Amino acid sequence: MSSVRNLSLDKIIARKKKPHRELVSVLEDAPLDRVSKLLHQNSIIAVPVFSTATPPKFLGFIDNFDLMKFVARDYYEREKQTKQSLLHGFPFSSIGTSITAGELLNQLNRGVGDGVFDSTDTLQLAIHALSSKKRILVRMGDRYYIITQSDVIKYLHSIYDTLHVNVVQTLVCEMKLQIPINSPENMPTISKDWMAIEAFYFMDSRNLDNVGIVDAQHDGKLIGNFSASDLRGLVSDQIDVLKQPLWNFVQTMTGKPAIPPVTCTTTDTMGDVMTIAIQNRVHRVWIVNNIQCPIGLITFTDIINTALNQ
């Protein structure tokens, strides 16, 4: 698999659907309501933040989840201080005025990190940043591009026939996953009846970027998935919807009935998982048992690490 490890980032950029789309970015002193509006107006999930120095320095990414986690954390901190529920009087609009993009990055302990990559750098060099941050910023000439884990998976799938047989035929039960199979104490799932703001607080406290939605009344059956994609289009003046039960929130945000979760079993192959993830435009595939209860989770980080380490 040395050919995959040595793959230059410009090859992945070239296969992106809209490689030359204008980069949307903000400066560190931008208030969060501006960040929220930019995400909404451009129908994107994340935005790079640059310093106000000359020349500007890349500081990190802020995504939809970061904004909602901030709101949830702020709400519960105020609730602890007052020792009473603030649900009906909480000023959700505080997202726009109380903090800047740079200050939020500091709160998240998300500094410059791996910085900006060059388009001639290899996937092996960028893999750590992609695994931990889900996306990286790449400079090609005088332009910047964003490469996400999804871009990498789509590229690997496009060269499916050239990948080593051991990679694509690796069984799910043989993959080294971030969350081991059959470890219920580590399973990132929540009840469909939780309020959305509770879900965000739970995810913030455990550093999660997605959760499975289960129905406790039906033996913990997996009925949905909740991730940053469900927040596409949410703006600060709509934040009241965070008071809804999570199941209702997902349907409110998408404007249609919730889509069933994408699943696999322990006997499927990694090649199968790559294919169904791309076909269904999802970033993770849940492993379920014979009664559709979640017993594991395969993320794009798992797939990329498996491909590079075979």
Protein backbone atom coordinates (compact mmCIF):
# COMPACT_ATOMS: atom_id res chain seq x y z
CA MET A 1 0.00 0.00 0.00
CA SER A 2 2.99 2.32 -0.31
CA SER A 3 1.31 3.84 -3.41
CA VAL A 4 -1.59 5.02 -1.24
CA ARG A 5 0.67 6.33 1.52
CA ASN A 6 2.72 8.24 -1.04
CA LEU A 7 -0.33 9.66 -2.81
CA SER A 8 0.12 13.43 -3.23
CA LEU A 9 -2.69 15.68 -2.02
CA ASP A 10 -3.03 17.39 -5.41
CA LYS A 11 -4.40 14.10 -6.82
CA ILE A 12 -7.24 14.21 -4.29
CA ILE A 13 -7.92 17.90 -5.01
CA ALA A 14 -8.16 17.16 -8.75
CA ARG A 15 -10.95 14.63 -8.15
CA LYS A 16 -13.05 16.91 -5.96
CA LYS A 17 -16.47 17.72 -7.43
CA LYS A 18 -15.86 21.49 -7.27
CA PRO A 19 -12.09 21.82 -6.77
CA HIS A 20 -11.93 25.51 -7.66
CA ARG A 21 -14.85 26.70 -5.56
CA GLU A 22 -13.94 29.98 -3.86
CA LEU A 23 -12.69 29.39 -0.33
CA VAL A 24 -15.02 30.81 2.33
CA SER A 25 -13.09 31.90 5.44
CA VAL A 26 -13.30 34.23 8.44
CA LEU A 27 -10.84 36.21 10.55
CA GLU A 28 -10.31 35.44 14.21
CA ASP A 29 -12.20 38.56 15.35
CA ALA A 30 -15.41 37.58 13.53
CA PRO A 31 -18.42 37.18 15.90
CA LEU A 32 -20.03 33.77 15.85
CA ASP A 33 -23.23 35.02 14.27
CA ARG A 34 -21.17 35.93 11.19
CA VAL A 35 -19.64 32.45 11.16
CA SER A 36 -23.11 30.91 11.47
CA LYS A 37 -24.50 33.02 8.61
CA LEU A 38 -21.56 32.18 6.34
CA LEU A 39 -22.08 28.46 6.91
CA HIS A 40 -25.78 28.85 6.15
CA GLN A 41 -25.43 31.13 3.11
CA ASN A 42 -22.80 28.92 1.47
CA SER A 43 -24.38 25.60 2.52
CA ILE A 44 -21.12 24.40 4.06
CA ILE A 45 -20.36 22.59 7.31
CA ALA A 46 -17.02 24.14 8.31
CA VAL A 47 -15.01 27.31 7.73
CA PRO A 48 -11.26 28.01 8.17
CA VAL A 49 -10.26 30.78 10.58
CA PHE A 50 -7.29 33.07 9.89
CA SER A 51 -5.49 35.49 12.19
CA THR A 52 -5.74 39.27 11.77
CA ALA A 53 -1.95 39.48 11.49
CA THR A 54 -0.11 40.28 8.25
CA PRO A 55 0.25 37.92 6.53
CA PRO A 56 -2.80 36.03 7.91
CA LYS A 57 -2.04 32.74 9.64
CA PHE A 58 -4.36 29.73 9.53
CA LEU A 59 -5.63 29.01 13.06
CA GLY A 60 -8.05 26.12 12.59
CA PHE A 61 -11.56 25.15 11.51
CA ILE A 62 -14.92 25.92 13.11
CA ASP A 63 -17.89 23.80 12.11
CA ASN A 64 -21.62 23.69 12.82
CA PHE A 65 -21.15 21.34 15.74
CA ASP A 66 -18.68 23.68 17.42
CA LEU A 67 -21.30 26.45 17.39
CA MET A 68 -24.05 24.26 18.81
CA LYS A 69 -21.77 22.73 21.43
CA PHE A 70 -20.87 26.23 22.55
CA VAL A 71 -24.55 27.12 22.92
CA ALA A 72 -25.24 23.92 24.90
CA ARG A 73 -22.23 24.46 27.17
CA ASP A 74 -23.24 28.07 27.80
CA TYR A 75 -26.80 27.03 28.63
CA TYR A 76 -25.85 24.33 31.13
CA GLU A 77 -23.22 26.51 32.80
CA ARG A 78 -25.87 29.16 33.40
CA GLU A 79 -28.27 26.52 34.67
CA LYS A 80 -25.70 25.32 37.20
CA GLN A 81 -25.11 28.87 38.39
CA THR A 82 -28.80 29.61 38.91
CA LYS A 83 -29.65 26.05 40.08
CA GLN A 84 -32.85 26.13 38.08
CA SER A 85 -34.01 25.31 34.57
CA LEU A 86 -33.55 28.17 32.14
CA LEU A 87 -35.07 26.35 29.21
CA HIS A 88 -37.93 28.76 28.64
CA GLY A 89 -35.89 31.92 29.13
CA PHE A 90 -32.45 31.02 27.83
CA PRO A 91 -31.09 33.67 25.42
CA PHE A 92 -30.10 31.44 22.50
CA SER A 93 -29.23 34.58 20.56
CA SER A 94 -26.12 34.90 22.76
CA ILE A 95 -24.28 32.82 20.16
CA GLY A 96 -23.84 35.92 18.03
CA THR A 97 -22.43 38.45 20.46
CA SER A 98 -20.61 36.83 23.35
CA ILE A 99 -17.56 35.31 21.66
CA THR A 100 -15.42 35.50 18.52
CA ALA A 101 -14.20 32.76 16.21
CA GLY A 102 -10.66 32.98 17.61
CA GLU A 103 -11.88 32.83 21.19
CA LEU A 104 -13.95 29.73 20.41
CA LEU A 105 -10.92 28.00 18.92
CA ASN A 106 -9.01 28.75 22.14
CA GLN A 107 -11.87 27.32 24.21
CA LEU A 108 -11.77 24.17 22.10
CA ASN A 109 -7.98 23.89 22.60
CA ARG A 110 -7.77 23.77 18.84
CA GLY A 111 -4.75 25.81 17.86
CA VAL A 112 -2.73 25.92 14.68
CA GLY A 113 -1.96 22.22 15.02
CA ASP A 114 -0.65 20.76 11.77
CA GLY A 115 -1.00 24.08 9.96
CA VAL A 116 -1.32 24.35 6.19
CA PHE A 117 -0.24 21.45 3.98
CA ASP A 118 1.28 21.81 0.51
CA SER A 119 -0.41 20.12 -2.45
CA THR A 120 2.77 18.10 -3.05
CA ASP A 121 2.66 16.63 0.47
CA THR A 122 1.70 12.96 0.75
CA LEU A 123 -1.41 11.45 2.31
CA GLN A 124 0.86 9.73 4.83
CA LEU A 125 2.09 13.13 6.04
CA ALA A 126 -1.45 14.47 6.43
CA ILE A 127 -3.11 11.38 7.86
CA HIS A 128 -2.77 12.34 11.53
CA ALA A 129 -4.41 15.71 10.97
CA LEU A 130 -7.17 14.15 8.85
CA SER A 131 -7.85 11.53 11.52
CA SER A 132 -8.17 14.02 14.36
CA LYS A 133 -9.59 17.09 12.61
CA LYS A 134 -11.64 15.47 9.78
CA ARG A 135 -10.39 18.12 7.32
CA ILE A 136 -7.17 19.91 6.39
CA LEU A 137 -6.21 23.11 4.57
CA VAL A 138 -3.96 22.68 1.54
CA ARG A 139 -2.08 25.35 -0.43
CA MET A 140 -1.69 24.89 -4.17
CA GLY A 141 0.04 27.85 -5.80
CA ASP A 142 -1.75 30.98 -4.60
CA ARG A 143 -4.99 29.19 -3.68
CA TYR A 144 -6.22 27.27 -0.65
CA TYR A 145 -8.28 24.09 -0.78
CA ILE A 146 -10.03 22.02 1.88
CA ILE A 147 -9.58 18.25 1.82
CA THR A 148 -11.96 16.25 3.99
CA GLN A 149 -11.99 12.61 5.00
CA SER A 150 -14.85 12.17 2.55
CA ASP A 151 -12.63 13.39 -0.29
CA VAL A 152 -10.02 10.78 0.62
CA ILE A 153 -12.58 7.94 0.80
CA LYS A 154 -14.05 8.91 -2.57
CA TYR A 155 -10.57 8.90 -4.10
CA LEU A 156 -9.74 5.50 -2.61
CA HIS A 157 -13.06 4.17 -3.92
CA SER A 158 -12.26 5.55 -7.40
CA ILE A 159 -9.09 3.41 -7.45
CA TYR A 160 -10.88 0.48 -5.81
CA ASP A 161 -9.64 -2.01 -8.41
CA THR A 162 -6.01 -1.06 -7.81
CA LEU A 163 -6.14 -1.32 -4.03
CA HIS A 164 -4.50 -4.37 -2.52
CA VAL A 165 -6.95 -7.26 -2.20
CA ASN A 166 -6.18 -7.50 1.53
CA VAL A 167 -7.56 -4.00 2.01
CA VAL A 168 -10.91 -4.26 0.27
CA GLN A 169 -11.54 -7.79 1.52
CA THR A 170 -10.73 -7.05 5.16
CA LEU A 171 -13.75 -8.11 7.20
CA VAL A 172 -15.39 -5.60 9.51
CA CYS A 173 -14.65 -7.90 12.46
CA GLU A 174 -10.94 -7.79 11.51
CA MET A 175 -10.65 -4.00 11.33
CA LYS A 176 -8.92 -2.15 14.15
CA LEU A 177 -11.65 0.33 15.07
CA GLN A 178 -11.56 3.39 17.30
CA ILE A 179 -14.56 1.97 19.15
CA PRO A 180 -14.10 -1.81 19.57
CA ILE A 181 -17.03 -4.02 18.58
CA ASN A 182 -19.28 -5.13 21.45
CA SER A 183 -18.15 -2.46 23.91
CA PRO A 184 -21.50 -0.95 24.97
CA GLU A 185 -19.89 1.34 27.52
CA ASN A 186 -18.13 3.17 24.67
CA MET A 187 -21.01 3.19 22.19
CA PRO A 188 -21.87 6.81 21.22
CA THR A 189 -25.66 6.49 21.29
CA ILE A 190 -28.45 8.51 22.90
CA SER A 191 -32.23 8.20 23.26
CA LYS A 192 -34.49 9.70 20.61
CA ASP A 193 -36.33 11.53 23.42
CA TRP A 194 -33.37 13.67 24.51
CA MET A 195 -33.63 17.35 23.70
CA ALA A 196 -31.23 18.41 20.96
CA ILE A 197 -29.42 20.74 23.35
CA GLU A 198 -28.90 17.78 25.74
CA ALA A 199 -27.40 15.81 22.87
CA PHE A 200 -24.95 18.60 22.06
CA TYR A 201 -23.89 18.89 25.69
CA PHE A 202 -23.34 15.12 25.86
CA MET A 203 -21.29 15.23 22.66
CA ASP A 204 -19.28 18.21 23.87
CA SER A 205 -18.42 16.53 27.18
CA ARG A 206 -17.24 13.38 25.38
CA ASN A 207 -15.61 15.05 22.36
CA LEU A 208 -17.95 13.33 19.89
CA ASP A 209 -18.84 14.55 16.41
CA ASN A 210 -21.79 12.22 15.88
CA VAL A 211 -24.13 9.95 17.82
CA GLY A 212 -26.52 7.13 16.99
CA ILE A 213 -30.17 7.59 17.94
CA VAL A 214 -31.77 4.59 19.64
CA ASP A 215 -35.30 3.71 20.69
CA ALA A 216 -35.20 2.48 24.28
CA GLN A 217 -38.79 1.22 24.00
CA HIS A 218 -37.72 -1.21 21.27
CA ASP A 219 -34.69 -2.89 22.89
CA GLY A 220 -32.32 -0.07 21.98
CA LYS A 221 -32.82 -0.48 18.23
CA LEU A 222 -30.80 1.95 16.11
CA ILE A 223 -33.23 4.27 14.33
CA GLY A 224 -31.09 7.22 13.24
CA ASN A 225 -27.78 9.06 13.15
CA PHE A 226 -27.03 12.62 14.21
CA SER A 227 -24.03 14.51 12.80
CA ALA A 228 -22.89 17.88 11.49
CA SER A 229 -24.72 17.29 8.21
CA ASP A 230 -28.02 17.57 10.10
CA LEU A 231 -27.09 21.15 11.01
CA ARG A 232 -26.63 22.38 7.47
CA GLY A 233 -28.78 25.51 7.18
CA LEU A 234 -29.15 26.23 10.90
CA VAL A 235 -28.62 29.90 11.75
CA SER A 236 -28.52 31.72 15.07
CA ASP A 237 -32.07 33.10 14.84
CA GLN A 238 -33.38 29.54 14.47
CA ILE A 239 -31.63 28.13 17.51
CA ASP A 240 -34.92 27.76 19.41
CA VAL A 241 -35.34 24.42 17.65
CA LEU A 242 -32.65 23.03 19.97
CA LYS A 243 -35.41 22.74 22.58
CA GLN A 244 -37.08 20.02 20.52
CA PRO A 245 -36.60 16.30 21.19
CA LEU A 246 -33.66 15.13 19.10
CA TRP A 247 -35.81 12.95 16.84
CA ASN A 248 -38.04 15.93 16.01
CA PHE A 249 -35.01 18.21 15.63
CA VAL A 250 -33.43 16.01 12.95
CA GLN A 251 -36.67 16.00 10.96
CA THR A 252 -37.10 19.76 11.40
CA MET A 253 -33.60 20.45 10.09
CA THR A 254 -33.89 18.17 7.06
CA GLY A 255 -37.50 19.08 6.31
CA LYS A 256 -38.42 15.44 5.76
CA PRO A 257 -38.80 12.18 7.68
CA ALA A 258 -35.56 10.96 9.23
CA ILE A 259 -33.46 8.73 6.97
CA PRO A 260 -32.81 5.23 8.35
CA PRO A 261 -29.21 4.77 9.53
CA VAL A 262 -26.71 3.16 7.17
CA THR A 263 -25.57 -0.15 8.66
CA CYS A 264 -23.43 -3.19 8.09
CA THR A 265 -22.62 -6.45 9.87
CA THR A 266 -19.37 -7.93 11.16
CA THR A 267 -19.13 -10.20 8.10
CA ASP A 268 -19.20 -7.40 5.54
CA THR A 269 -15.91 -6.28 4.00
CA MET A 270 -14.27 -2.89 4.15
CA GLY A 271 -14.86 -2.59 0.42
CA ASP A 272 -18.59 -3.09 1.04
CA VAL A 273 -18.54 -0.40 3.73
CA MET A 274 -16.77 2.10 1.47
CA THR A 275 -19.32 1.52 -1.27
CA ILE A 276 -22.45 1.91 0.89
CA ALA A 277 -21.01 4.98 2.64
CA ILE A 278 -20.40 6.75 -0.68
CA GLN A 279 -23.71 5.63 -2.19
CA ASN A 280 -25.61 6.95 0.83
CA ARG A 281 -23.42 10.07 1.24
CA VAL A 282 -22.63 9.36 4.90
CA HIS A 283 -19.39 9.62 6.87
CA ARG A 284 -19.90 6.61 9.11
CA VAL A 285 -21.52 3.18 9.03
CA TRP A 286 -23.02 1.53 12.10
CA ILE A 287 -22.38 -2.14 12.83
CA VAL A 288 -25.57 -3.84 14.02
CA ASN A 289 -26.59 -7.27 15.28
CA ASN A 290 -29.51 -9.38 14.03
CA ILE A 291 -32.10 -7.21 15.83
CA GLN A 292 -30.63 -3.93 14.53
CA CYS A 293 -29.04 -2.88 17.82
CA PRO A 294 -25.70 -1.05 17.43
CA ILE A 295 -22.63 -3.07 18.42
CA GLY A 296 -19.99 -0.93 16.73
CA LEU A 297 -19.20 2.00 14.47
CA ILE A 298 -16.95 2.42 11.42
CA THR A 299 -15.80 5.97 10.71
CA PHE A 300 -13.84 7.31 7.77
CA THR A 301 -10.86 7.51 10.12
CA ASP A 302 -11.09 3.73 10.58
CA ILE A 303 -11.25 3.13 6.83
CA ILE A 304 -8.34 5.45 6.01
CA ASN A 305 -6.16 3.94 8.76
CA THR A 306 -6.96 0.43 7.59
CA ALA A 307 -6.10 1.31 3.98
CA LEU A 308 -2.79 2.90 4.93
CA ASN A 309 -1.69 0.29 7.45
CA GLN A 310 -2.30 -2.88 5.45
